Protein backbone atom coordinates (compact mmCIF):
# COMPACT_ATOMS: atom_id res chain seq x y z
CA MET A 1 -19.80 19.27 4.32
CA LEU A 2 -17.52 20.76 1.63
CA VAL A 3 -18.64 20.36 -2.00
CA ILE A 4 -15.75 21.58 -4.23
CA ASP A 5 -15.62 22.00 -8.00
CA LYS A 6 -12.66 20.09 -9.54
CA SER A 7 -13.49 20.62 -13.24
CA GLY A 8 -10.80 21.40 -15.80
CA SER A 9 -11.27 25.13 -15.37
CA MET A 10 -10.27 24.81 -11.70
CA ASN A 11 -6.88 23.36 -12.58
CA GLY A 12 -3.99 25.34 -11.18
CA GLU A 13 -4.16 28.05 -8.57
CA LYS A 14 -7.95 27.82 -8.01
CA LEU A 15 -7.93 24.14 -7.10
CA GLU A 16 -4.80 24.43 -4.98
CA LEU A 17 -6.24 27.33 -2.99
CA SER A 18 -9.55 25.47 -2.57
CA LYS A 19 -7.71 22.43 -1.18
CA ALA A 20 -5.67 24.65 1.14
CA ALA A 21 -8.88 26.30 2.37
CA ALA A 22 -10.50 22.91 3.04
CA ILE A 23 -7.40 21.75 4.94
CA ALA A 24 -7.43 24.91 7.07
CA ALA A 25 -11.15 24.42 7.84
CA VAL A 26 -10.46 20.86 9.03
CA GLY A 27 -7.72 22.20 11.30
CA MET A 28 -10.20 24.54 13.02
CA LEU A 29 -12.62 21.74 13.89
CA GLY A 30 -12.56 19.93 17.19
CA PRO A 31 -12.33 16.14 17.67
CA LEU A 32 -16.12 15.89 18.22
CA ASP A 33 -16.92 17.81 15.02
CA SER A 34 -17.67 16.00 11.77
CA VAL A 35 -16.48 16.86 8.26
CA GLY A 36 -16.94 15.49 4.76
CA VAL A 37 -15.52 16.47 1.34
CA ILE A 38 -17.06 15.83 -2.10
CA ALA A 39 -15.32 16.87 -5.34
CA PHE A 40 -17.43 17.12 -8.52
CA ASP A 41 -16.92 17.59 -12.26
CA ASP A 42 -19.21 15.68 -14.68
CA GLY A 43 -19.89 13.31 -11.79
CA HIS A 44 -18.83 13.35 -8.17
CA ASP A 45 -16.04 11.83 -6.11
CA GLU A 46 -16.63 11.20 -2.40
CA VAL A 47 -13.20 12.17 -1.13
CA ILE A 48 -14.13 11.87 2.57
CA SER A 49 -17.44 10.56 3.84
CA LEU A 50 -18.98 12.54 6.66
CA GLN A 51 -17.14 11.46 9.85
CA ARG A 52 -15.87 12.74 13.15
CA VAL A 53 -12.47 14.39 13.05
CA GLY A 54 -11.25 12.67 16.22
CA ASP A 55 -7.57 11.79 15.88
CA ARG A 56 -7.81 11.35 12.09
CA ALA A 57 -7.27 15.01 11.09
CA HIS A 58 -3.96 14.24 9.38
CA ARG A 59 -5.54 11.44 7.32
CA ILE A 60 -8.39 13.72 6.24
CA LYS A 61 -5.93 16.41 5.16
CA ASP A 62 -3.92 13.86 3.15
CA ARG A 63 -7.05 12.79 1.26
CA ILE A 64 -7.88 16.41 0.43
CA LYS A 65 -4.37 16.96 -0.97
CA ARG A 66 -4.92 14.13 -3.48
CA ILE A 67 -7.85 15.87 -5.26
CA GLY A 68 -6.98 16.34 -8.95
CA PRO A 69 -8.67 18.22 -11.84
CA GLY A 70 -11.33 16.50 -13.96
CA GLY A 71 -13.71 17.30 -16.85
CA GLY A 72 -16.93 19.34 -17.14
CA THR A 73 -19.12 20.92 -14.46
CA ASN A 74 -22.28 19.34 -13.00
CA MET A 75 -23.01 20.32 -9.41
CA GLU A 76 -26.25 18.35 -9.04
CA THR A 77 -24.97 14.89 -8.03
CA GLY A 78 -22.31 16.28 -5.66
CA LEU A 79 -24.78 18.61 -3.92
CA LYS A 80 -27.40 15.88 -3.48
CA ARG A 81 -24.82 13.47 -2.08
CA GLY A 82 -23.67 16.08 0.43
CA TYR A 83 -27.25 16.66 1.61
CA GLU A 84 -27.83 12.92 1.96
CA GLN A 85 -24.88 12.54 4.31
CA LEU A 86 -25.91 15.52 6.40
CA LEU A 87 -29.41 14.11 6.82
CA LYS A 88 -27.95 10.96 8.38
CA SER A 89 -25.84 12.94 10.86
CA LYS A 90 -27.04 13.51 14.44
CA ALA A 91 -25.12 16.78 14.82
CA SER A 92 -27.02 19.76 16.26
CA VAL A 93 -25.58 22.15 13.62
CA LYS A 94 -25.36 21.05 9.96
CA HIS A 95 -23.82 23.29 7.30
CA LEU A 96 -22.81 22.79 3.66
CA ILE A 97 -20.40 24.93 1.61
CA VAL A 98 -20.44 24.62 -2.17
CA LEU A 99 -17.75 26.18 -4.40
CA THR A 100 -17.67 26.41 -8.20
CA ASP A 101 -16.11 28.62 -10.89
CA GLY A 102 -18.35 27.89 -13.92
CA GLN A 103 -21.79 27.33 -15.34
CA THR A 104 -23.31 24.11 -14.03
CA ALA A 105 -25.80 21.69 -15.50
CA GLY A 106 -28.78 20.25 -13.62
CA SER A 107 -31.91 21.81 -12.16
CA GLY A 108 -34.03 22.03 -9.00
CA TYR A 109 -31.26 23.50 -6.89
CA GLN A 110 -33.45 26.21 -5.30
CA LYS A 111 -36.11 23.72 -4.14
CA LEU A 112 -33.46 21.33 -2.87
CA SER A 113 -31.86 24.08 -0.82
CA SER A 114 -35.26 25.11 0.64
CA ASP A 115 -36.07 21.51 1.62
CA MET A 116 -32.72 21.12 3.34
CA ARG A 117 -33.29 24.31 5.33
CA LYS A 118 -36.53 22.84 6.67
CA ARG A 119 -34.42 19.98 8.00
CA ASP A 120 -32.01 22.34 9.79
CA ILE A 121 -29.30 22.24 7.11
CA THR A 122 -27.90 25.60 6.03
CA THR A 123 -26.06 26.22 2.72
CA THR A 124 -23.34 28.69 1.79
CA ALA A 125 -22.35 29.24 -1.86
CA VAL A 126 -19.01 30.55 -3.14
CA ALA A 127 -18.67 31.75 -6.76
CA VAL A 128 -15.08 31.90 -8.04
CA GLY A 129 -14.45 34.15 -11.04
CA ALA A 130 -16.76 35.97 -13.46
CA ASP A 131 -17.88 32.79 -15.30
CA ALA A 132 -19.63 31.22 -12.29
CA SER A 133 -23.44 30.90 -12.08
CA LYS A 134 -23.81 33.88 -9.80
CA SER A 135 -27.60 34.14 -9.78
CA LEU A 136 -28.05 30.41 -9.19
CA LEU A 137 -25.53 30.29 -6.37
CA GLN A 138 -27.01 33.39 -4.74
CA GLU A 139 -30.49 31.83 -4.88
CA ILE A 140 -29.15 28.60 -3.30
CA ALA A 141 -27.56 30.57 -0.43
CA THR A 142 -30.67 32.71 0.15
CA ARG A 143 -33.08 29.76 0.34
CA GLY A 144 -30.58 27.76 2.38
CA ASP A 145 -30.28 30.54 5.01
CA GLY A 146 -26.56 30.80 4.32
CA LYS A 147 -24.09 33.28 2.89
CA TYR A 148 -23.19 34.08 -0.71
CA TYR A 149 -19.61 35.03 -1.56
CA GLN A 150 -18.27 36.40 -4.83
CA ALA A 151 -14.54 35.61 -4.92
CA ASN A 152 -13.11 37.41 -7.92
CA ASN A 153 -9.62 36.66 -6.64
CA PRO A 154 -8.96 32.97 -5.89
CA LYS A 155 -6.73 34.01 -3.00
CA ALA A 156 -9.86 35.00 -1.07
CA ILE A 157 -11.09 31.37 -0.94
CA PRO A 158 -9.20 30.39 2.24
CA LYS A 159 -10.46 33.44 4.07
CA ILE A 160 -14.07 32.64 3.11
CA PHE A 161 -13.75 29.01 4.28
CA MET A 162 -12.25 30.09 7.62
CA LYS A 163 -15.01 32.63 8.18
CA GLU A 164 -17.76 30.10 7.46
CA THR A 165 -16.14 27.51 9.69
CA ARG A 166 -16.03 29.94 12.61
CA ARG A 167 -19.65 30.98 11.98
CA VAL A 168 -21.08 27.50 12.18
CA MET A 169 -18.91 26.29 15.03
CA ARG A 170 -20.86 26.38 18.28
CA PRO A 171 -19.34 28.66 20.94
CA LEU A 172 -18.38 27.28 24.35
CA VAL A 173 -20.83 29.55 26.17
CA PHE A 174 -24.55 30.03 25.58
CA GLU A 175 -26.15 33.26 26.78
CA SER A 176 -29.68 34.59 26.57
CA ASP A 177 -30.68 38.03 27.81
CA SER A 178 -34.33 36.95 28.13
CA GLY A 179 -33.38 34.25 30.67
CA LEU A 180 -33.47 30.46 30.72
CA GLN A 181 -35.92 28.70 33.01
CA LEU A 182 -34.22 25.49 34.24
CA VAL A 183 -36.11 22.19 34.15
CA GLN A 184 -35.74 19.36 36.67
CA ASN A 185 -35.05 16.37 34.44
CA GLU A 186 -35.10 13.64 37.11
CA HIS A 187 -35.25 13.22 40.85
CA HIS A 188 -31.93 13.37 42.61
CA GLU A 189 -30.75 13.59 46.20
CA ILE A 190 -29.29 17.04 45.53
CA MET A 191 -32.72 18.34 44.53
CA THR A 192 -34.51 16.98 47.63
CA GLY A 193 -36.79 19.68 49.04
CA ILE A 194 -35.84 22.23 46.34
CA ASP A 195 -38.65 24.30 44.82
CA PRO A 196 -38.97 23.31 41.10
CA SER A 197 -39.73 26.94 40.13
CA MET A 198 -36.15 28.06 40.27
CA PRO A 199 -35.17 31.60 39.20
CA PRO A 200 -33.97 31.76 35.56
CA ILE A 201 -30.33 32.09 34.53
CA THR A 202 -28.94 34.06 31.61
CA GLY A 203 -26.12 31.77 30.51
CA TYR A 204 -24.03 28.66 31.12
CA VAL A 205 -21.08 26.74 29.70
CA LEU A 206 -21.94 24.23 26.97
CA THR A 207 -20.86 20.69 27.81
CA THR A 208 -21.53 17.20 26.50
CA LEU A 209 -23.01 14.65 28.89
CA LYS A 210 -20.87 11.53 29.27
CA GLU A 211 -22.49 8.44 27.76
CA ASN A 212 -22.68 6.37 30.93
CA PRO A 213 -25.76 5.05 32.76
CA LEU A 214 -24.22 6.15 36.07
CA VAL A 215 -24.27 9.81 34.96
CA GLU A 216 -27.36 11.73 36.04
CA ALA A 217 -28.53 15.15 34.83
CA PRO A 218 -31.02 16.62 37.35
CA LEU A 219 -31.12 20.13 35.79
CA LEU A 220 -31.38 20.99 32.08
CA ALA A 221 -31.67 24.25 30.16
CA PRO A 222 -34.32 24.65 27.42
CA LEU A 223 -31.87 26.18 24.93
CA PRO A 224 -30.02 25.47 22.71
CA GLY A 225 -31.26 21.91 23.22
CA ALA A 226 -29.85 18.43 23.64
CA PRO A 227 -27.24 17.10 23.92
CA ASN A 228 -25.40 20.23 25.18
CA ASN A 229 -27.99 21.70 27.57
CA THR A 230 -26.87 20.19 30.90
CA VAL A 231 -26.63 22.60 33.83
CA LEU A 232 -26.24 20.12 36.72
CA ALA A 233 -24.74 16.64 36.35
CA ALA A 234 -23.75 14.05 38.97
CA TRP A 235 -21.65 10.93 38.50
CA THR A 236 -20.87 8.06 40.85
CA TYR A 237 -17.59 6.49 39.79
CA GLY A 238 -16.42 3.60 41.95
CA LEU A 239 -16.26 4.93 45.52
CA GLY A 240 -16.13 8.58 44.40
CA ARG A 241 -18.72 11.16 43.41
CA THR A 242 -18.42 14.06 40.99
CA VAL A 243 -20.70 17.07 40.44
CA ALA A 244 -20.62 19.45 37.46
CA PHE A 245 -22.50 22.77 37.74
CA THR A 246 -22.11 24.66 34.44
CA THR A 247 -23.42 28.09 35.46
CA ASP A 248 -22.11 30.42 38.15
CA SER A 249 -23.31 31.06 41.70
CA GLY A 250 -24.67 34.54 41.08
CA GLN A 251 -21.86 36.77 39.82
CA ARG A 252 -23.09 37.02 36.20
CA TRP A 253 -25.55 34.41 34.91
CA ALA A 254 -27.34 33.46 38.16
CA SER A 255 -27.60 36.95 39.66
CA SER A 256 -31.33 36.43 40.21
CA TRP A 257 -30.53 33.65 42.69
CA ALA A 258 -29.37 36.16 45.31
CA ASP A 259 -32.95 36.54 46.64
CA TRP A 260 -33.89 32.86 46.17
CA GLY A 261 -34.78 31.18 49.46
CA ASP A 262 -33.42 27.73 48.51
CA ARG A 263 -30.11 29.01 47.18
CA ASP A 264 -28.02 28.06 50.22
CA LYS A 265 -29.87 24.78 50.65
CA PHE A 266 -29.21 23.85 47.03
CA PHE A 267 -25.45 24.41 47.22
CA VAL A 268 -25.13 22.77 50.67
CA GLN A 269 -26.91 19.62 49.46
CA MET A 270 -24.78 19.54 46.32
CA ILE A 271 -21.56 19.75 48.35
CA ARG A 272 -22.71 17.23 50.96
CA TRP A 273 -23.71 14.72 48.28
CA SER A 274 -20.22 14.88 46.74
CA MET A 275 -18.52 14.47 50.14
CA ARG A 276 -17.66 11.18 51.79
CA PRO A 277 -20.45 9.55 53.87
CA LEU A 278 -20.74 10.66 57.48
CA LEU A 279 -19.13 8.34 60.02
CA ASP A 280 -22.39 7.71 61.91
CA GLN A 281 -24.07 6.27 58.82
CA GLY A 282 -22.10 3.03 58.98
CA ASN A 283 -20.23 1.05 56.38
CA PHE A 284 -22.13 -0.78 53.66
CA THR A 285 -20.82 -3.36 51.24
CA VAL A 286 -22.94 -4.14 48.18
CA ALA A 287 -22.42 -7.32 46.14
CA THR A 288 -24.44 -8.33 43.08
CA GLN A 289 -24.66 -11.66 41.29
CA MET A 290 -26.53 -12.68 38.15
CA ARG A 291 -27.68 -16.32 38.12
CA ASP A 292 -30.30 -18.03 35.92
CA GLY A 293 -32.00 -14.77 34.94
CA GLN A 294 -32.20 -13.62 38.57
CA LEU A 295 -30.32 -10.64 39.99
CA ASP A 296 -29.30 -11.17 43.62
CA VAL A 297 -28.25 -8.12 45.65
CA ASN A 298 -26.56 -8.65 49.02
CA VAL A 299 -25.78 -5.81 51.44
CA GLN A 300 -23.55 -6.08 54.51
CA ALA A 301 -24.12 -3.30 57.07
CA VAL A 302 -21.74 -2.67 60.00
CA THR A 303 -20.99 0.27 62.24
CA PRO A 304 -17.60 2.03 62.22
CA GLN A 305 -16.78 0.03 65.36
CA GLY A 306 -17.44 -3.25 63.51
CA ASP A 307 -20.86 -4.07 65.03
CA PHE A 308 -23.69 -5.32 62.83
CA ILE A 309 -26.55 -2.95 61.94
CA ASN A 310 -29.85 -4.82 62.18
CA ASN A 311 -33.54 -4.10 61.58
CA LEU A 312 -33.02 -1.61 58.73
CA SER A 313 -35.95 -0.79 56.45
CA MET A 314 -33.85 -1.07 53.30
CA GLY A 315 -35.21 -0.56 49.79
CA GLY A 316 -33.90 0.08 46.31
CA ALA A 317 -34.58 0.46 42.60
CA LEU A 318 -32.95 -0.58 39.33
CA ILE A 319 -32.71 1.82 36.37
CA GLY A 320 -31.66 0.80 32.84
CA ASP A 321 -29.40 2.63 30.42
CA ASP A 322 -32.46 4.18 28.77
CA ASN A 323 -33.52 5.76 32.12
CA ASP A 324 -36.38 3.28 32.33
CA GLU A 325 -37.04 1.92 35.81
CA GLN A 326 -36.81 -1.87 35.71
CA GLY A 327 -38.22 -2.69 39.14
CA GLU A 328 -38.06 -2.11 42.87
CA LEU A 329 -35.98 -4.12 45.30
CA THR A 330 -37.37 -5.25 48.65
CA PHE A 331 -34.64 -6.34 51.05
CA GLU A 332 -35.02 -8.96 53.76
CA GLN A 333 -32.59 -9.50 56.62
CA THR A 334 -30.98 -12.93 56.24
CA GLY A 335 -28.41 -12.73 59.03
CA PRO A 336 -26.62 -10.36 61.38
CA GLY A 337 -26.16 -7.18 59.35
CA ARG A 338 -26.92 -9.02 56.08
CA TYR A 339 -29.74 -8.06 53.72
CA ARG A 340 -30.78 -9.70 50.47
CA ALA A 341 -33.09 -8.84 47.56
CA SER A 342 -33.82 -10.58 44.24
CA LEU A 343 -35.25 -9.33 40.98
CA PRO A 344 -35.85 -11.20 37.69
CA LEU A 345 -33.77 -9.57 34.95
CA GLU A 346 -33.27 -11.02 31.48
CA LYS A 347 -32.43 -8.00 29.30
CA THR A 348 -28.70 -7.47 28.79
CA GLY A 349 -27.12 -4.08 29.34
CA THR A 350 -25.85 -1.74 32.05
CA TYR A 351 -28.07 -0.79 34.97
CA LEU A 352 -27.85 1.69 37.84
CA LEU A 353 -28.69 0.25 41.24
CA GLY A 354 -29.77 2.66 43.98
CA ILE A 355 -30.25 1.44 47.56
CA GLN A 356 -31.72 3.45 50.43
CA PRO A 357 -30.41 1.85 53.67
CA GLY A 358 -32.77 3.75 55.94
CA PRO A 359 -34.13 7.15 56.92
CA GLY A 360 -31.45 9.81 57.13
CA MET A 361 -28.83 7.71 55.35
CA GLY A 362 -27.25 8.41 52.00
CA ILE A 363 -28.22 6.43 48.92
CA LEU A 364 -25.90 3.62 47.92
CA ARG A 365 -25.27 3.61 44.18
CA THR A 366 -23.56 0.96 42.13
CA GLY A 367 -23.58 -0.35 38.58
CA VAL A 368 -24.76 -3.75 37.40
CA ASN A 369 -23.63 -5.13 34.05
CA ILE A 370 -25.68 -7.96 32.51
CA PRO A 371 -23.44 -9.48 29.80
CA TYR A 372 -24.44 -11.43 26.75
CA SER A 373 -24.42 -15.18 26.79
CA ALA A 374 -20.94 -16.72 26.60
CA GLU A 375 -21.64 -18.07 23.11
CA TYR A 376 -21.94 -14.50 21.76
CA ARG A 377 -18.67 -13.22 23.19
CA ASP A 378 -16.29 -11.82 20.63
CA THR A 379 -12.85 -13.20 21.40
CA THR A 380 -9.73 -12.08 19.61
CA THR A 381 -6.28 -13.55 19.23
CA ASN A 382 -3.67 -12.25 21.67
CA GLU A 383 -0.99 -11.68 19.03
CA SER A 384 1.30 -9.78 21.40
CA LEU A 385 1.53 -12.79 23.71
CA LEU A 386 2.08 -15.20 20.81
CA ALA A 387 4.78 -12.96 19.34
CA SER A 388 6.60 -12.73 22.69
CA LEU A 389 6.53 -16.52 23.04
CA ALA A 390 7.80 -17.05 19.49
CA ALA A 391 10.64 -14.56 20.02
CA ILE A 392 12.12 -16.56 22.90
CA LYS A 393 15.50 -17.93 21.81
CA PRO A 394 16.38 -21.31 23.33
CA ALA A 395 19.92 -22.21 24.30
CA GLY A 396 21.79 -23.36 21.20
CA GLY A 397 18.80 -22.74 18.90
CA GLN A 398 16.99 -20.07 16.93
CA PRO A 399 13.88 -18.07 17.91
CA GLY A 400 10.51 -19.21 16.62
CA GLU A 401 8.19 -17.56 14.15
CA LEU A 402 4.62 -16.24 14.46
CA VAL A 403 2.56 -17.63 11.57
CA ARG A 404 -0.56 -15.65 10.62
CA LEU A 405 -3.03 -17.70 8.64
CA PRO A 406 -4.72 -15.91 5.74
CA GLU A 407 -8.46 -15.24 5.83
CA ASN A 408 -9.00 -17.61 2.90
CA SER A 409 -9.00 -21.13 4.37
CA GLN A 410 -8.10 -22.61 0.98
CA GLN A 411 -4.61 -21.14 1.36
CA TRP A 412 -3.92 -22.89 4.67
CA SER A 413 -2.49 -25.98 2.97
CA GLN A 414 0.92 -24.34 2.50
CA PHE A 415 1.20 -23.89 6.29
CA THR A 416 0.21 -27.46 7.11
CA GLN A 417 3.18 -28.75 5.10
CA ALA A 418 5.74 -26.92 7.23
CA ASN A 419 7.67 -28.84 9.86
CA HIS A 420 6.83 -27.08 13.09
CA PHE A 421 8.85 -29.55 15.18
CA ARG A 422 12.44 -28.45 14.66
CA ARG A 423 15.35 -30.86 15.08
CA ASP A 424 18.14 -28.31 15.36
CA LEU A 425 18.03 -28.01 19.14
CA PRO A 426 20.58 -29.76 21.39
CA PRO A 427 19.27 -32.69 23.44
CA GLY A 428 18.03 -31.80 26.85
CA ARG A 429 20.10 -33.11 29.74
CA SER A 430 19.61 -33.02 33.46
CA LEU A 431 21.55 -34.30 36.49
CA THR A 432 19.88 -36.20 39.29
CA GLY A 433 21.64 -36.60 42.64
CA VAL A 434 22.07 -40.24 43.78
CA TRP A 435 23.62 -39.44 47.18
CA PRO A 436 20.37 -40.07 49.12
CA THR A 437 20.18 -43.65 47.79
CA THR A 438 23.90 -44.22 48.40
CA VAL A 439 23.66 -42.98 51.98
CA LEU A 440 20.63 -45.24 52.61
CA ILE A 441 22.45 -48.36 51.31
CA ALA A 442 25.58 -47.55 53.32
CA ALA A 443 23.51 -47.06 56.48
CA CYS A 444 21.80 -50.45 55.99
CA LEU A 445 25.14 -52.21 55.44
CA PHE A 446 26.62 -50.52 58.50
CA PHE A 447 23.66 -51.66 60.62
CA PHE A 448 23.92 -55.29 59.54
CA ASP A 449 27.70 -55.24 60.09
CA ILE A 450 27.28 -54.06 63.69
CA LEU A 451 24.49 -56.61 64.22
CA ASN A 452 26.72 -59.46 62.98
CA ARG A 453 29.63 -58.40 65.22
CA ARG A 454 27.49 -58.04 68.34
CA LEU A 455 25.33 -61.16 68.11
CA GLN A 456 27.93 -63.67 66.74
CA ILE A 457 25.47 -65.47 64.51
CA PRO A 458 26.61 -69.15 63.81
CA TRP A 459 26.29 -69.04 60.09
CA ASP A 460 27.95 -72.47 59.63
CA VAL A 461 25.38 -74.19 61.90
CA ILE A 462 22.53 -72.47 60.13
CA SER A 463 23.94 -73.54 56.75
CA ALA A 464 24.28 -77.20 57.88
CA GLN A 465 20.73 -77.29 59.19
CA LEU A 466 19.36 -75.78 56.01
CA ALA A 467 21.33 -78.37 53.92
CA LYS A 468 20.00 -81.22 56.06
CA LEU A 469 16.44 -80.03 55.77
CA ARG A 470 16.83 -79.67 52.02
CA LEU A 471 18.28 -83.30 51.74
CA THR A 472 15.53 -84.85 53.89
CA LYS A 473 12.86 -83.11 51.91
CA THR A 474 14.36 -84.32 48.64
CA THR A 475 14.64 -87.99 49.89
CA ALA A 476 11.04 -87.95 51.10
CA GLU A 477 9.85 -86.53 47.81
CA ILE A 478 11.75 -89.32 45.93
CA ALA A 479 10.78 -92.24 48.26
CA THR A 480 7.11 -91.49 48.52
CA PRO A 481 6.31 -92.10 44.82
CA ALA A 482 8.41 -95.35 44.80
CA ILE A 483 6.55 -96.89 47.77
CA ALA A 484 3.22 -95.89 46.30
CA ARG A 485 4.09 -97.60 43.04
CA LEU A 486 5.28 -100.76 44.87
CA GLN A 487 2.08 -101.01 46.90
CA ALA A 488 -0.01 -100.64 43.73
CA THR A 489 2.01 -103.42 42.02
CA LYS A 490 1.54 -105.79 45.02
CA ARG A 491 -2.17 -105.11 45.07
CA GLN A 492 -2.53 -105.92 41.38
CA ALA A 493 -0.45 -109.14 41.77
CA ARG A 494 -2.53 -110.29 44.74
CA GLU A 495 -5.72 -109.84 42.77
CA ARG A 496 -4.39 -111.85 39.83
CA THR A 497 -2.99 -114.80 41.92
CA ALA A 498 -5.79 -115.17 44.48
CA PRO A 499 -6.63 -119.05 44.70
CA THR A 500 -10.13 -119.96 43.63
CA TRP A 501 -10.34 -123.00 45.99
CA LEU A 502 -10.25 -120.84 49.14
CA PRO A 503 -13.61 -120.12 50.71
CA PRO A 504 -14.73 -116.51 50.68
CA GLN A 505 -13.29 -114.41 53.49
CA PRO A 506 -15.76 -113.64 56.21
CA ASP A 507 -17.29 -110.18 56.20
CA GLU A 508 -16.05 -108.37 59.30
CA SER A 509 -18.17 -105.26 58.89
CA PRO A 510 -20.40 -104.28 61.86
CA ALA A 511 -23.55 -105.25 59.94
CA ALA A 512 -22.18 -108.72 59.20
CA VAL A 513 -21.17 -109.24 62.87
CA ASP A 514 -24.67 -108.33 64.01
CA ARG A 515 -26.12 -110.69 61.47
CA VAL A 516 -23.91 -113.58 62.71
CA ARG A 517 -24.87 -112.83 66.32
CA GLY A 518 -28.50 -113.06 65.35
CA ASP A 519 -28.01 -116.46 63.72
CA VAL A 520 -26.24 -117.77 66.85
CA ALA A 521 -29.09 -116.64 69.00
CA THR A 522 -31.57 -118.37 66.75
CA ASN A 523 -29.64 -121.66 66.90
CA ALA A 524 -29.53 -121.40 70.65
CA ALA A 525 -33.30 -121.02 70.79
CA ALA A 526 -33.77 -124.22 68.70
CA PRO A 527 -31.26 -126.78 69.99
CA ASN A 528 -33.09 -129.78 68.60
CA GLU A 529 -32.58 -128.62 65.02
CA PRO A 530 -29.47 -130.02 63.33
CA ALA A 531 -26.71 -127.60 62.40
CA PRO A 532 -26.17 -126.99 58.72
CA ILE A 533 -23.38 -129.00 57.23
CA ALA A 534 -20.91 -127.07 55.01
CA PRO A 535 -20.35 -128.67 51.67
CA SER A 536 -17.04 -130.40 51.31
CA VAL A 537 -14.83 -128.97 48.63
CA ALA A 538 -11.51 -130.47 47.69
CA PRO A 539 -8.68 -127.94 47.59
CA PRO A 540 -7.26 -127.53 44.14
CA VAL A 541 -3.70 -128.43 43.45
CA PRO A 542 -1.57 -125.38 42.56
CA THR A 543 -0.21 -125.35 39.04
CA ALA A 544 3.34 -124.71 37.86
CA GLU A 545 2.35 -121.44 36.21
CA ALA A 546 1.07 -120.10 39.56
CA GLU A 547 4.30 -121.09 41.29
CA ASP A 548 6.46 -119.37 38.66
CA TYR A 549 4.49 -116.10 38.99
CA SER A 550 4.82 -116.13 42.78
CA ASP A 551 8.55 -116.69 42.62
CA ARG A 552 8.98 -113.81 40.21
CA LEU A 553 6.88 -111.54 42.38
CA LEU A 554 8.88 -112.37 45.53
CA LYS A 555 12.13 -111.90 43.66
CA LYS A 556 10.99 -108.49 42.43
CA LEU A 557 9.97 -107.51 45.94
CA ARG A 558 13.40 -108.46 47.32
CA GLU A 559 15.15 -106.35 44.65
CA VAL A 560 13.07 -103.26 45.47
CA ARG A 561 13.79 -103.63 49.21
CA ALA A 562 17.49 -104.07 48.50
CA LYS A 563 17.57 -100.83 46.49
CA GLU A 564 15.83 -98.92 49.26
CA ARG A 565 18.41 -100.19 51.82
CA ASP A 566 21.24 -99.13 49.54
CA LYS A 567 19.81 -95.60 49.25
CA ARG A 568 19.35 -95.25 53.01
CA GLY A 569 22.83 -96.69 53.74
């Protein structure tokens, strides 16, 4: 953290050299290093908050160039703000450089520097010119376990910043003449059968462990401490395996391993673990599936010749990203060469799955990712795809336009009024071949033509018969209603003109005949009884009105019959 004085007295060469020194210090830092810049006068200006350099070095340098002179000098607020940011950082080395050229207001600087040193933050003070608070700055550097520099010439500022940057930057190699006793951090196949009391080493290359749950660190060094104290690391990536051993094999740092009994065993096991599986171990396929809070693990085991491997005592374990064992897996054989295990798992995250197929076989390692529920997925707009679609130019038209809606929904109304259905495109046309239909019709006509020529169909006879049938049907349809009406008229006339002097007509129904037969039989049984005498009734004389009606009726009947003969003739 750089805390630079930008008061009015720093205007000119002092401030320009201070900015150049800060820019040079940023250039010396690596992408994993963090830097922050605070400029103070009466108050403080947080030019760059403490952040990793990464690929933003040019942006950080541009912000430093924009620092301009201000008013008075008060180092208190800028120094406290710098300490606050360093306290939040997780870096293993934290250092602050403060630079001023005048007398500063405020108090409690010595105690503040001592408190920061207790929290592993060192402080270096640079006094520019004869007017600076030399005694105060020297006291701050002493209690902060840093360096004090008196820069009478402003041109010395860049050199001081470069020196301090190199001093606090961690070297790539850590060495200790007293020796470093390695610690087995976790059980690993490489360390199987290795004595934990390994001979000490005197140095190793500092590395940073990859943040991945599939990365394992079996051996760690006690100094300088996490996260850069890994000596042995192993990583299973897809179907490959990688091993990193950060010390040597005995030439310089591990010279004491020459008389160690497990030395050869250690290196052989490390090399064999990183090699491909032996052919006699078989081929294993591991498939995982997460369903309803249950993790299902299926393993297919076959020999190199393609035969199934049965009756394996297979087991496994699941380890979370915090190196906490989640549970053991017990496999059961469900088919030829097929094994299955289930484990309830509800916590989301990335897990390492290790499976031991059987004695003498290598461990199968794979990763299991338990995602969040679908409703929590963060989806983004695929603007590149939308832009490529909008840039397509149709034939005879203009390319489209990608419309980006503003974040404020109240401004969307201006986009809803636009006509997104353009009318400047030519009408779409397409040709459809009609030759299949034409060929089908021609083939049908050709068939019927050949049929007519071969069979000699008498079309004139067929036409005459159809005409005759049509005429007969029409005559019958016309005659039937006329006869029905005539019969109804005759029936009504008969009922009106029936003579009243005629006796009633005898009933000829079967019941009446039986009844008459019974009466005849009775008369035959009693011959002495006289037969009943029918009453004598004089027949009435027909009247003139009845005769006129009968004549008219007969005349009408003759006319109807004459008309029917005319129609038939």
